[in-house]
Amino acid sequence: MKTITSILLSSHKINGNARKNIEALLNGADKVRTCHTSGSGRFTGNIDSHEATIDGLTKLGLKFKQGNDAPKGGKTGQWIALAEKVSMQ
């Protein structure tokens, strides 16, 4: 059974990590981190879905806050939170 969230996201062509981030926000998460590291050692890289998540939230017409709480302002400190709670009924 499809949820309202998945129907909304599929109708706006939002996929991948951005979709997971938006689903988490709509399901009640306070904030989501939009950049994660992958790999180990010299093969480490960042998986960044910040811009895609912002685009998706904008397409859905949701208001959001964004910030960075990393001590030196690195990418992995980026976060997005909804400005107001959304009730999905």
C-alpha atoms as a PDB file:
ATOM      1  CA  MET A   1       0.000   0.000   0.000  1.00  0.00           C
ATOM      2  CA  LYS A   2       1.387   3.379  -0.989  1.00  0.00           C
ATOM      3  CA  THR A   3       1.506   6.154   1.562  1.00  0.00           C
ATOM      4  CA  ILE A   4       0.542   9.746   0.850  1.00  0.00           C
ATOM      5  CA  THR A   5       4.200  10.699   1.181  1.00  0.00           C
ATOM      6  CA  SER A   6       5.356   8.229  -1.473  1.00  0.00           C
ATOM      7  CA  ILE A   7       2.593   9.335  -3.863  1.00  0.00           C
ATOM      8  CA  LEU A   8       3.567  12.991  -3.447  1.00  0.00           C
ATOM      9  CA  LEU A   9       7.241  12.269  -3.993  1.00  0.00           C
ATOM     10  CA  SER A  10       6.712  10.031  -7.026  1.00  0.00           C
ATOM     11  CA  SER A  11       4.444  12.586  -8.712  1.00  0.00           C
ATOM     12  CA  HIS A  12       7.214  15.200  -8.449  1.00  0.00           C
ATOM     13  CA  LYS A  13       9.988  12.857  -9.669  1.00  0.00           C
ATOM     14  CA  ILE A  14      12.037  13.018  -6.463  1.00  0.00           C
ATOM     15  CA  ASN A  15      14.341  10.001  -6.130  1.00  0.00           C
ATOM     16  CA  GLY A  16      17.327   8.660  -4.202  1.00  0.00           C
ATOM     17  CA  ASN A  17      18.709  10.097  -1.007  1.00  0.00           C
ATOM     18  CA  ALA A  18      16.669  13.294  -1.379  1.00  0.00           C
ATOM     19  CA  ARG A  19      13.498  11.193  -1.317  1.00  0.00           C
ATOM     20  CA  LYS A  20      14.627   9.429   1.873  1.00  0.00           C
ATOM     21  CA  ASN A  21      15.458  12.775   3.487  1.00  0.00           C
ATOM     22  CA  ILE A  22      12.063  14.273   2.623  1.00  0.00           C
ATOM     23  CA  GLU A  23      10.208  11.151   3.765  1.00  0.00           C
ATOM     24  CA  ALA A  24      12.027  11.311   7.099  1.00  0.00           C
ATOM     25  CA  LEU A  25      11.074  14.973   7.551  1.00  0.00           C
ATOM     26  CA  LEU A  26       7.428  14.336   6.646  1.00  0.00           C
ATOM     27  CA  ASN A  27       7.316  11.357   9.025  1.00  0.00           C
ATOM     28  CA  GLY A  28       8.358  13.511  11.986  1.00  0.00           C
ATOM     29  CA  ALA A  29      12.158  13.771  12.047  1.00  0.00           C
ATOM     30  CA  ASP A  30      13.367  17.033  13.574  1.00  0.00           C
ATOM     31  CA  LYS A  31      16.165  17.468  11.044  1.00  0.00           C
ATOM     32  CA  VAL A  32      18.054  15.401   8.495  1.00  0.00           C
ATOM     33  CA  ARG A  33      21.720  15.390   7.580  1.00  0.00           C
ATOM     34  CA  THR A  34      22.105  15.676   3.826  1.00  0.00           C
ATOM     35  CA  CYS A  35      25.756  14.687   3.385  1.00  0.00           C
ATOM     36  CA  HIS A  36      27.261  11.354   4.454  1.00  0.00           C
ATOM     37  CA  THR A  37      30.658   9.760   4.018  1.00  0.00           C
ATOM     38  CA  SER A  38      31.146   6.482   2.203  1.00  0.00           C
ATOM     39  CA  GLY A  39      34.115   4.141   1.982  1.00  0.00           C
ATOM     40  CA  SER A  40      37.229   3.929   4.114  1.00  0.00           C
ATOM     41  CA  GLY A  41      40.798   5.106   4.088  1.00  0.00           C
ATOM     42  CA  ARG A  42      41.924   6.819   0.918  1.00  0.00           C
ATOM     43  CA  PHE A  43      38.749   5.652  -0.827  1.00  0.00           C
ATOM     44  CA  THR A  44      36.488   7.872   1.298  1.00  0.00           C
ATOM     45  CA  GLY A  45      34.012  10.154  -0.441  1.00  0.00           C
ATOM     46  CA  ASN A  46      30.987  12.284   0.355  1.00  0.00           C
ATOM     47  CA  ILE A  47      27.456  11.463  -0.745  1.00  0.00           C
ATOM     48  CA  ASP A  48      25.842  14.898  -0.898  1.00  0.00           C
ATOM     49  CA  SER A  49      22.083  15.255  -1.475  1.00  0.00           C
ATOM     50  CA  HIS A  50      21.667  18.760  -0.046  1.00  0.00           C
ATOM     51  CA  GLU A  51      20.673  20.554  -3.261  1.00  0.00           C
ATOM     52  CA  ALA A  52      18.395  17.718  -4.404  1.00  0.00           C
ATOM     53  CA  THR A  53      16.611  17.741  -1.037  1.00  0.00           C
ATOM     54  CA  ILE A  54      16.142  21.520  -1.212  1.00  0.00           C
ATOM     55  CA  ASP A  55      14.782  21.221  -4.772  1.00  0.00           C
ATOM     56  CA  GLY A  56      12.350  18.497  -3.677  1.00  0.00           C
ATOM     57  CA  LEU A  57      11.064  20.466  -0.688  1.00  0.00           C
ATOM     58  CA  THR A  58      10.610  23.516  -2.926  1.00  0.00           C
ATOM     59  CA  LYS A  59       8.661  21.461  -5.506  1.00  0.00           C
ATOM     60  CA  LEU A  60       6.355  20.239  -2.753  1.00  0.00           C
ATOM     61  CA  GLY A  61       5.838  23.815  -1.524  1.00  0.00           C
ATOM     62  CA  LEU A  62       7.218  23.160   1.964  1.00  0.00           C
ATOM     63  CA  LYS A  63       8.996  25.795   4.037  1.00  0.00           C
ATOM     64  CA  PHE A  64      12.274  24.697   5.594  1.00  0.00           C
ATOM     65  CA  LYS A  65      15.326  25.854   7.521  1.00  0.00           C
ATOM     66  CA  GLN A  66      18.878  24.844   6.723  1.00  0.00           C
ATOM     67  CA  GLY A  67      22.144  25.169   8.543  1.00  0.00           C
ATOM     68  CA  ASN A  68      25.556  23.748   9.252  1.00  0.00           C
ATOM     69  CA  ASP A  69      26.695  22.752  12.733  1.00  0.00           C
ATOM     70  CA  ALA A  70      30.113  21.337  11.866  1.00  0.00           C
ATOM     71  CA  PRO A  71      32.891  23.030  13.884  1.00  0.00           C
ATOM     72  CA  LYS A  72      34.802  24.058  10.755  1.00  0.00           C
ATOM     73  CA  GLY A  73      31.786  24.336   8.454  1.00  0.00           C
ATOM     74  CA  GLY A  74      32.373  21.068   6.586  1.00  0.00           C
ATOM     75  CA  LYS A  75      29.819  19.491   4.259  1.00  0.00           C
ATOM     76  CA  THR A  76      28.888  16.681   6.656  1.00  0.00           C
ATOM     77  CA  GLY A  77      27.487  19.252   9.095  1.00  0.00           C
ATOM     78  CA  GLN A  78      24.745  20.360   6.691  1.00  0.00           C
ATOM     79  CA  TRP A  79      21.180  19.821   7.886  1.00  0.00           C
ATOM     80  CA  ILE A  80      17.634  20.658   6.827  1.00  0.00           C
ATOM     81  CA  ALA A  81      14.549  20.934   9.049  1.00  0.00           C
ATOM     82  CA  LEU A  82      10.953  21.814   8.264  1.00  0.00           C
ATOM     83  CA  ALA A  83       9.944  25.302   9.413  1.00  0.00           C
ATOM     84  CA  GLU A  84       6.554  24.014  10.584  1.00  0.00           C
ATOM     85  CA  LYS A  85       5.094  20.592  11.304  1.00  0.00           C
ATOM     86  CA  VAL A  86       3.138  19.023   8.461  1.00  0.00           C
ATOM     87  CA  SER A  87       0.171  16.754   9.151  1.00  0.00           C
ATOM     88  CA  MET A  88      -0.290  14.059   6.503  1.00  0.00           C
ATOM     89  CA  GLN A  89      -3.919  12.911   6.703  1.00  0.00           C
END
